[in-house]
Amino acid sequence: MPFHFRRAKLSLGELRFNIQQSNPFLNNSYCPSLCFHFLMKITEVIVTRIELVNYTRKKEKKRQVWVLQKMEQSNSSISPQLS
């Protein structure tokens, strides 16, 4: 079952626990702790990238709202002068 980051609001600890529970090799001698550490680093990078994208989208949306407000303010200050 694929994991959907957008639907889940999990902390890194919860992700770590879920990955460890879902993968039998992580609890087995076949996969040393280095494998688990590497998997966690990849997960942290993915989560960080997703958080960065979400932060960038929020900032861009705020900037667009600010630009629209400034345009409306400039239009409202121009229209009384024209009449």
PDB file of N, CA and C in Angstrom:
ATOM      1  N   MET A   1       0.851  -1.180   0.000  1.00  0.00           N
ATOM      2  CA  MET A   1       0.000   0.000   0.000  1.00  0.00           C
ATOM      3  C   MET A   1       0.894   1.239   0.000  1.00  0.00           C
ATOM      4  N   PRO A   2       0.744   2.125  -0.996  1.00  0.00           N
ATOM      5  CA  PRO A   2       1.610   3.306  -1.059  1.00  0.00           C
ATOM      6  C   PRO A   2       1.305   4.276   0.069  1.00  0.00           C
ATOM      7  N   PHE A   3       2.329   4.979   0.475  1.00  0.00           N
ATOM      8  CA  PHE A   3       2.173   5.951   1.554  1.00  0.00           C
ATOM      9  C   PHE A   3       1.956   7.326   0.950  1.00  0.00           C
ATOM     10  N   HIS A   4       0.892   8.004   1.339  1.00  0.00           N
ATOM     11  CA  HIS A   4       0.579   9.323   0.799  1.00  0.00           C
ATOM     12  C   HIS A   4       0.918  10.378   1.844  1.00  0.00           C
ATOM     13  N   PHE A   5       1.974  11.170   1.577  1.00  0.00           N
ATOM     14  CA  PHE A   5       2.404  12.191   2.525  1.00  0.00           C
ATOM     15  C   PHE A   5       1.376  13.304   2.675  1.00  0.00           C
ATOM     16  N   ARG A   6       0.678  13.628   1.590  1.00  0.00           N
ATOM     17  CA  ARG A   6      -0.282  14.736   1.655  1.00  0.00           C
ATOM     18  C   ARG A   6      -1.449  14.432   2.588  1.00  0.00           C
ATOM     19  N   ARG A   7      -1.846  13.183   2.653  1.00  0.00           N
ATOM     20  CA  ARG A   7      -2.981  12.817   3.496  1.00  0.00           C
ATOM     21  C   ARG A   7      -2.570  12.642   4.947  1.00  0.00           C
ATOM     22  N   ALA A   8      -1.331  12.288   5.178  1.00  0.00           N
ATOM     23  CA  ALA A   8      -0.891  11.961   6.534  1.00  0.00           C
ATOM     24  C   ALA A   8      -0.217  13.159   7.177  1.00  0.00           C
ATOM     25  N   LYS A   9      -0.517  13.365   8.421  1.00  0.00           N
ATOM     26  CA  LYS A   9       0.143  14.404   9.202  1.00  0.00           C
ATOM     27  C   LYS A   9       0.905  13.694  10.321  1.00  0.00           C
ATOM     28  N   LEU A  10       1.992  13.049   9.942  1.00  0.00           N
ATOM     29  CA  LEU A  10       2.763  12.265  10.896  1.00  0.00           C
ATOM     30  C   LEU A  10       4.078  12.968  11.213  1.00  0.00           C
ATOM     31  N   SER A  11       4.527  12.810  12.428  1.00  0.00           N
ATOM     32  CA  SER A  11       5.845  13.315  12.787  1.00  0.00           C
ATOM     33  C   SER A  11       6.889  12.325  12.291  1.00  0.00           C
ATOM     34  N   LEU A  12       8.152  12.743  12.334  1.00  0.00           N
ATOM     35  CA  LEU A  12       9.210  11.836  11.902  1.00  0.00           C
ATOM     36  C   LEU A  12       9.272  10.601  12.796  1.00  0.00           C
ATOM     37  N   GLY A  13       8.992  10.778  14.085  1.00  0.00           N
ATOM     38  CA  GLY A  13       8.984   9.627  14.994  1.00  0.00           C
ATOM     39  C   GLY A  13       7.921   8.618  14.613  1.00  0.00           C
ATOM     40  N   GLU A  14       6.735   9.111  14.257  1.00  0.00           N
ATOM     41  CA  GLU A  14       5.656   8.209  13.841  1.00  0.00           C
ATOM     42  C   GLU A  14       6.000   7.521  12.527  1.00  0.00           C
ATOM     43  N   LEU A  15       6.622   8.276  11.590  1.00  0.00           N
ATOM     44  CA  LEU A  15       7.046   7.665  10.334  1.00  0.00           C
ATOM     45  C   LEU A  15       8.082   6.575  10.597  1.00  0.00           C
ATOM     46  N   ARG A  16       9.036   6.872  11.471  1.00  0.00           N
ATOM     47  CA  ARG A  16      10.087   5.916  11.811  1.00  0.00           C
ATOM     48  C   ARG A  16       9.473   4.636  12.385  1.00  0.00           C
ATOM     49  N   PHE A  17       8.509   4.811  13.288  1.00  0.00           N
ATOM     50  CA  PHE A  17       7.845   3.659  13.898  1.00  0.00           C
ATOM     51  C   PHE A  17       7.079   2.854  12.848  1.00  0.00           C
ATOM     52  N   ASN A  18       6.336   3.558  11.966  1.00  0.00           N
ATOM     53  CA  ASN A  18       5.556   2.865  10.932  1.00  0.00           C
ATOM     54  C   ASN A  18       6.449   2.087   9.979  1.00  0.00           C
ATOM     55  N   ILE A  19       7.570   2.691   9.594  1.00  0.00           N
ATOM     56  CA  ILE A  19       8.480   2.011   8.666  1.00  0.00           C
ATOM     57  C   ILE A  19       9.094   0.796   9.346  1.00  0.00           C
ATOM     58  N   GLN A  20       9.483   0.956  10.595  1.00  0.00           N
ATOM     59  CA  GLN A  20      10.101  -0.151  11.320  1.00  0.00           C
ATOM     60  C   GLN A  20       9.114  -1.312  11.501  1.00  0.00           C
ATOM     61  N   GLN A  21       7.847  -0.993  11.778  1.00  0.00           N
ATOM     62  CA  GLN A  21       6.850  -2.039  11.984  1.00  0.00           C
ATOM     63  C   GLN A  21       6.447  -2.718  10.678  1.00  0.00           C
ATOM     64  N   SER A  22       6.469  -1.964   9.568  1.00  0.00           N
ATOM     65  CA  SER A  22       5.974  -2.514   8.306  1.00  0.00           C
ATOM     66  C   SER A  22       7.029  -3.308   7.544  1.00  0.00           C
ATOM     67  N   ASN A  23       8.298  -3.134   7.884  1.00  0.00           N
ATOM     68  CA  ASN A  23       9.357  -3.817   7.147  1.00  0.00           C
ATOM     69  C   ASN A  23      10.015  -4.871   8.029  1.00  0.00           C
ATOM     70  N   PRO A  24       9.784  -6.152   7.748  1.00  0.00           N
ATOM     71  CA  PRO A  24      10.356  -7.207   8.605  1.00  0.00           C
ATOM     72  C   PRO A  24      11.879  -7.246   8.570  1.00  0.00           C
ATOM     73  N   PHE A  25      12.486  -6.759   7.480  1.00  0.00           N
ATOM     74  CA  PHE A  25      13.942  -6.793   7.383  1.00  0.00           C
ATOM     75  C   PHE A  25      14.603  -5.855   8.390  1.00  0.00           C
ATOM     76  N   LEU A  26      13.898  -4.782   8.771  1.00  0.00           N
ATOM     77  CA  LEU A  26      14.476  -3.845   9.730  1.00  0.00           C
ATOM     78  C   LEU A  26      14.562  -4.459  11.122  1.00  0.00           C
ATOM     79  N   ASN A  27      13.713  -5.421  11.409  1.00  0.00           N
ATOM     80  CA  ASN A  27      13.732  -6.088  12.711  1.00  0.00           C
ATOM     81  C   ASN A  27      14.515  -7.398  12.652  1.00  0.00           C
ATOM     82  N   ASN A  28      15.147  -7.653  11.539  1.00  0.00           N
ATOM     83  CA  ASN A  28      15.835  -8.910  11.331  1.00  0.00           C
ATOM     84  C   ASN A  28      17.341  -8.667  11.264  1.00  0.00           C
ATOM     85  N   SER A  29      18.111  -9.698  11.366  1.00  0.00           N
ATOM     86  CA  SER A  29      19.572  -9.555  11.310  1.00  0.00           C
ATOM     87  C   SER A  29      20.059  -9.299   9.886  1.00  0.00           C
ATOM     88  N   TYR A  30      19.186  -9.470   8.883  1.00  0.00           N
ATOM     89  CA  TYR A  30      19.594  -9.227   7.499  1.00  0.00           C
ATOM     90  C   TYR A  30      19.867  -7.753   7.235  1.00  0.00           C
ATOM     91  N   CYS A  31      19.211  -6.899   7.961  1.00  0.00           N
ATOM     92  CA  CYS A  31      19.365  -5.469   7.723  1.00  0.00           C
ATOM     93  C   CYS A  31      19.962  -4.818   8.968  1.00  0.00           C
ATOM     94  N   PRO A  32      21.202  -4.405   8.918  1.00  0.00           N
ATOM     95  CA  PRO A  32      21.810  -3.784  10.095  1.00  0.00           C
ATOM     96  C   PRO A  32      21.219  -2.408  10.377  1.00  0.00           C
ATOM     97  N   SER A  33      21.596  -1.851  11.494  1.00  0.00           N
ATOM     98  CA  SER A  33      21.058  -0.544  11.879  1.00  0.00           C
ATOM     99  C   SER A  33      21.454   0.537  10.887  1.00  0.00           C
ATOM    100  N   LEU A  34      22.536   0.327  10.147  1.00  0.00           N
ATOM    101  CA  LEU A  34      22.943   1.302   9.137  1.00  0.00           C
ATOM    102  C   LEU A  34      21.868   1.443   8.061  1.00  0.00           C
ATOM    103  N   CYS A  35      21.248   0.325   7.685  1.00  0.00           N
ATOM    104  CA  CYS A  35      20.168   0.349   6.697  1.00  0.00           C
ATOM    105  C   CYS A  35      19.003   1.177   7.226  1.00  0.00           C
ATOM    106  N   PHE A  36      18.664   0.978   8.477  1.00  0.00           N
ATOM    107  CA  PHE A  36      17.565   1.729   9.084  1.00  0.00           C
ATOM    108  C   PHE A  36      17.919   3.218   9.152  1.00  0.00           C
ATOM    109  N   HIS A  37      19.161   3.507   9.527  1.00  0.00           N
ATOM    110  CA  HIS A  37      19.609   4.903   9.600  1.00  0.00           C
ATOM    111  C   HIS A  37      19.519   5.562   8.224  1.00  0.00           C
ATOM    112  N   PHE A  38      19.961   4.852   7.184  1.00  0.00           N
ATOM    113  CA  PHE A  38      19.906   5.373   5.823  1.00  0.00           C
ATOM    114  C   PHE A  38      18.457   5.617   5.385  1.00  0.00           C
ATOM    115  N   LEU A  39      17.577   4.690   5.708  1.00  0.00           N
ATOM    116  CA  LEU A  39      16.166   4.832   5.378  1.00  0.00           C
ATOM    117  C   LEU A  39      15.554   6.043   6.085  1.00  0.00           C
ATOM    118  N   MET A  40      15.950   6.256   7.336  1.00  0.00           N
ATOM    119  CA  MET A  40      15.427   7.398   8.089  1.00  0.00           C
ATOM    120  C   MET A  40      15.939   8.713   7.518  1.00  0.00           C
ATOM    121  N   LYS A  41      17.189   8.733   7.075  1.00  0.00           N
ATOM    122  CA  LYS A  41      17.732   9.951   6.461  1.00  0.00           C
ATOM    123  C   LYS A  41      16.966  10.298   5.188  1.00  0.00           C
ATOM    124  N   ILE A  42      16.688   9.284   4.386  1.00  0.00           N
ATOM    125  CA  ILE A  42      15.904   9.515   3.162  1.00  0.00           C
ATOM    126  C   ILE A  42      14.517  10.044   3.519  1.00  0.00           C
ATOM    127  N   THR A  43      13.899   9.459   4.528  1.00  0.00           N
ATOM    128  CA  THR A  43      12.567   9.905   4.961  1.00  0.00           C
ATOM    129  C   THR A  43      12.622  11.342   5.444  1.00  0.00           C
ATOM    130  N   GLU A  44      13.636  11.696   6.209  1.00  0.00           N
ATOM    131  CA  GLU A  44      13.767  13.069   6.704  1.00  0.00           C
ATOM    132  C   GLU A  44      13.935  14.046   5.552  1.00  0.00           C
ATOM    133  N   VAL A  45      14.710  13.669   4.540  1.00  0.00           N
ATOM    134  CA  VAL A  45      14.903  14.536   3.380  1.00  0.00           C
ATOM    135  C   VAL A  45      13.579  14.737   2.647  1.00  0.00           C
ATOM    136  N   ILE A  46      12.840  13.653   2.455  1.00  0.00           N
ATOM    137  CA  ILE A  46      11.551  13.748   1.763  1.00  0.00           C
ATOM    138  C   ILE A  46      10.586  14.637   2.549  1.00  0.00           C
ATOM    139  N   VAL A  47      10.493  14.423   3.860  1.00  0.00           N
ATOM    140  CA  VAL A  47       9.592  15.217   4.687  1.00  0.00           C
ATOM    141  C   VAL A  47      10.014  16.684   4.666  1.00  0.00           C
ATOM    142  N   THR A  48      11.315  16.939   4.739  1.00  0.00           N
ATOM    143  CA  THR A  48      11.809  18.318   4.708  1.00  0.00           C
ATOM    144  C   THR A  48      11.463  18.983   3.385  1.00  0.00           C
ATOM    145  N   ARG A  49      11.622  18.263   2.292  1.00  0.00           N
ATOM    146  CA  ARG A  49      11.284  18.825   0.973  1.00  0.00           C
ATOM    147  C   ARG A  49       9.795  19.139   0.875  1.00  0.00           C
ATOM    148  N   ILE A  50       8.963  18.235   1.394  1.00  0.00           N
ATOM    149  CA  ILE A  50       7.515  18.458   1.367  1.00  0.00           C
ATOM    150  C   ILE A  50       7.159  19.678   2.204  1.00  0.00           C
ATOM    151  N   GLU A  51       7.762  19.805   3.390  1.00  0.00           N
ATOM    152  CA  GLU A  51       7.506  20.964   4.235  1.00  0.00           C
ATOM    153  C   GLU A  51       7.960  22.242   3.551  1.00  0.00           C
ATOM    154  N   LEU A  52       9.096  22.202   2.856  1.00  0.00           N
ATOM    155  CA  LEU A  52       9.603  23.367   2.147  1.00  0.00           C
ATOM    156  C   LEU A  52       8.657  23.770   1.020  1.00  0.00           C
ATOM    157  N   VAL A  53       8.160  22.787   0.277  1.00  0.00           N
ATOM    158  CA  VAL A  53       7.212  23.079  -0.811  1.00  0.00           C
ATOM    159  C   VAL A  53       5.937  23.697  -0.239  1.00  0.00           C
ATOM    160  N   ASN A  54       5.417  23.139   0.853  1.00  0.00           N
ATOM    161  CA  ASN A  54       4.211  23.681   1.466  1.00  0.00           C
ATOM    162  C   ASN A  54       4.444  25.098   1.966  1.00  0.00           C
ATOM    163  N   TYR A  55       5.597  25.351   2.588  1.00  0.00           N
ATOM    164  CA  TYR A  55       5.932  26.687   3.080  1.00  0.00           C
ATOM    165  C   TYR A  55       6.024  27.677   1.915  1.00  0.00           C
ATOM    166  N   THR A  56       6.671  27.250   0.821  1.00  0.00           N
ATOM    167  CA  THR A  56       6.812  28.113  -0.348  1.00  0.00           C
ATOM    168  C   THR A  56       5.449  28.437  -0.946  1.00  0.00           C
ATOM    169  N   ARG A  57       4.571  27.449  -1.011  1.00  0.00           N
ATOM    170  CA  ARG A  57       3.225  27.693  -1.553  1.00  0.00           C
ATOM    171  C   ARG A  57       2.455  28.687  -0.691  1.00  0.00           C
ATOM    172  N   LYS A  58       2.568  28.552   0.639  1.00  0.00           N
ATOM    173  CA  LYS A  58       1.883  29.478   1.540  1.00  0.00           C
ATOM    174  C   LYS A  58       2.418  30.889   1.363  1.00  0.00           C
ATOM    175  N   LYS A  59       3.744  31.025   1.268  1.00  0.00           N
ATOM    176  CA  LYS A  59       4.346  32.344   1.091  1.00  0.00           C
ATOM    177  C   LYS A  59       3.917  32.956  -0.236  1.00  0.00           C
ATOM    178  N   GLU A  60       3.878  32.156  -1.287  1.00  0.00           N
ATOM    179  CA  GLU A  60       3.474  32.649  -2.608  1.00  0.00           C
ATOM    180  C   GLU A  60       2.012  33.095  -2.586  1.00  0.00           C
ATOM    181  N   LYS A  61       1.172  32.336  -1.908  1.00  0.00           N
ATOM    182  CA  LYS A  61      -0.240  32.694  -1.814  1.00  0.00           C
ATOM    183  C   LYS A  61      -0.407  34.016  -1.056  1.00  0.00           C
ATOM    184  N   LYS A  62       0.332  34.181   0.048  1.00  0.00           N
ATOM    185  CA  LYS A  62       0.280  35.434   0.804  1.00  0.00           C
ATOM    186  C   LYS A  62       0.755  36.600  -0.044  1.00  0.00           C
ATOM    187  N   ARG A  63       1.808  36.366  -0.848  1.00  0.00           N
ATOM    188  CA  ARG A  63       2.325  37.423  -1.711  1.00  0.00           C
ATOM    189  C   ARG A  63       1.297  37.811  -2.764  1.00  0.00           C
ATOM    190  N   GLN A  64       0.609  36.819  -3.339  1.00  0.00           N
ATOM    191  CA  GLN A  64      -0.412  37.115  -4.340  1.00  0.00           C
ATOM    192  C   GLN A  64      -1.558  37.919  -3.730  1.00  0.00           C
ATOM    193  N   VAL A  65      -1.966  37.563  -2.516  1.00  0.00           N
ATOM    194  CA  VAL A  65      -3.024  38.307  -1.832  1.00  0.00           C
ATOM    195  C   VAL A  65      -2.569  39.735  -1.573  1.00  0.00           C
ATOM    196  N   TRP A  66      -1.329  39.907  -1.147  1.00  0.00           N
ATOM    197  CA  TRP A  66      -0.800  41.243  -0.873  1.00  0.00           C
ATOM    198  C   TRP A  66      -0.785  42.088  -2.146  1.00  0.00           C
ATOM    199  N   VAL A  67      -0.360  41.494  -3.272  1.00  0.00           N
ATOM    200  CA  VAL A  67      -0.321  42.219  -4.550  1.00  0.00           C
ATOM    201  C   VAL A  67      -1.731  42.619  -4.966  1.00  0.00           C
ATOM    202  N   LEU A  68      -2.696  41.718  -4.809  1.00  0.00           N
ATOM    203  CA  LEU A  68      -4.077  42.054  -5.163  1.00  0.00           C
ATOM    204  C   LEU A  68      -4.621  43.181  -4.291  1.00  0.00           C
ATOM    205  N   GLN A  69      -4.306  43.151  -3.000  1.00  0.00           N
ATOM    206  CA  GLN A  69      -4.749  44.224  -2.110  1.00  0.00           C
ATOM    207  C   GLN A  69      -4.139  45.558  -2.512  1.00  0.00           C
ATOM    208  N   LYS A  70      -2.870  45.562  -2.866  1.00  0.00           N
ATOM    209  CA  LYS A  70      -2.205  46.801  -3.295  1.00  0.00           C
ATOM    210  C   LYS A  70      -2.816  47.317  -4.591  1.00  0.00           C
ATOM    211  N   MET A  71      -3.143  46.412  -5.495  1.00  0.00           N
ATOM    212  CA  MET A  71      -3.762  46.828  -6.757  1.00  0.00           C
ATOM    213  C   MET A  71      -5.143  47.428  -6.495  1.00  0.00           C
ATOM    214  N   GLU A  72      -5.908  46.813  -5.594  1.00  0.00           N
ATOM    215  CA  GLU A  72      -7.223  47.340  -5.252  1.00  0.00           C
ATOM    216  C   GLU A  72      -7.115  48.702  -4.582  1.00  0.00           C
ATOM    217  N   GLN A  73      -6.134  48.863  -3.717  1.00  0.00           N
ATOM    218  CA  GLN A  73      -5.936  50.152  -3.051  1.00  0.00           C
ATOM    219  C   GLN A  73      -5.558  51.229  -4.056  1.00  0.00           C
ATOM    220  N   SER A  74      -4.687  50.889  -4.994  1.00  0.00           N
ATOM    221  CA  SER A  74      -4.283  51.886  -5.990  1.00  0.00           C
ATOM    222  C   SER A  74      -5.446  52.216  -6.914  1.00  0.00           C
ATOM    223  N   ASN A  75      -6.278  51.241  -7.257  1.00  0.00           N
ATOM    224  CA  ASN A  75      -7.448  51.490  -8.098  1.00  0.00           C
ATOM    225  C   ASN A  75      -8.473  52.354  -7.362  1.00  0.00           C
ATOM    226  N   SER A  76      -8.658  52.106  -6.081  1.00  0.00           N
ATOM    227  CA  SER A  76      -9.630  52.896  -5.333  1.00  0.00           C
ATOM    228  C   SER A  76      -9.134  54.325  -5.111  1.00  0.00           C
ATOM    229  N   SER A  77      -7.838  54.522  -5.037  1.00  0.00           N
ATOM    230  CA  SER A  77      -7.328  55.884  -4.873  1.00  0.00           C
ATOM    231  C   SER A  77      -7.335  56.651  -6.194  1.00  0.00           C
ATOM    232  N   ILE A  78      -7.295  55.946  -7.316  1.00  0.00           N
ATOM    233  CA  ILE A  78      -7.333  56.599  -8.626  1.00  0.00           C
ATOM    234  C   ILE A  78      -8.763  56.958  -9.013  1.00  0.00           C
ATOM    235  N   SER A  79      -9.733  56.099  -8.740  1.00  0.00           N
ATOM    236  CA  SER A  79     -11.098  56.314  -9.199  1.00  0.00           C
ATOM    237  C   SER A  79     -11.746  57.583  -8.621  1.00  0.00           C
ATOM    238  N   PRO A  80     -11.559  57.993  -7.374  1.00  0.00           N
ATOM    239  CA  PRO A  80     -12.166  59.256  -6.926  1.00  0.00           C
ATOM    240  C   PRO A  80     -11.576  60.474  -7.632  1.00  0.00           C
ATOM    241  N   GLN A  81     -10.328  60.394  -8.024  1.00  0.00           N
ATOM    242  CA  GLN A  81      -9.699  61.528  -8.707  1.00  0.00           C
ATOM    243  C   GLN A  81     -10.241  61.702 -10.109  1.00  0.00           C
ATOM    244  N   LEU A  82     -10.696  60.607 -10.724  1.00  0.00           N
ATOM    245  CA  LEU A  82     -11.224  60.683 -12.075  1.00  0.00           C
ATOM    246  C   LEU A  82     -12.624  61.280 -12.108  1.00  0.00           C
ATOM    247  N   SER A  83     -13.405  61.206 -11.055  1.00  0.00           N
ATOM    248  CA  SER A  83     -14.774  61.701 -11.078  1.00  0.00           C
ATOM    249  C   SER A  83     -14.894  63.126 -10.674  1.00  0.00           C
TER     250      SER A  83
END
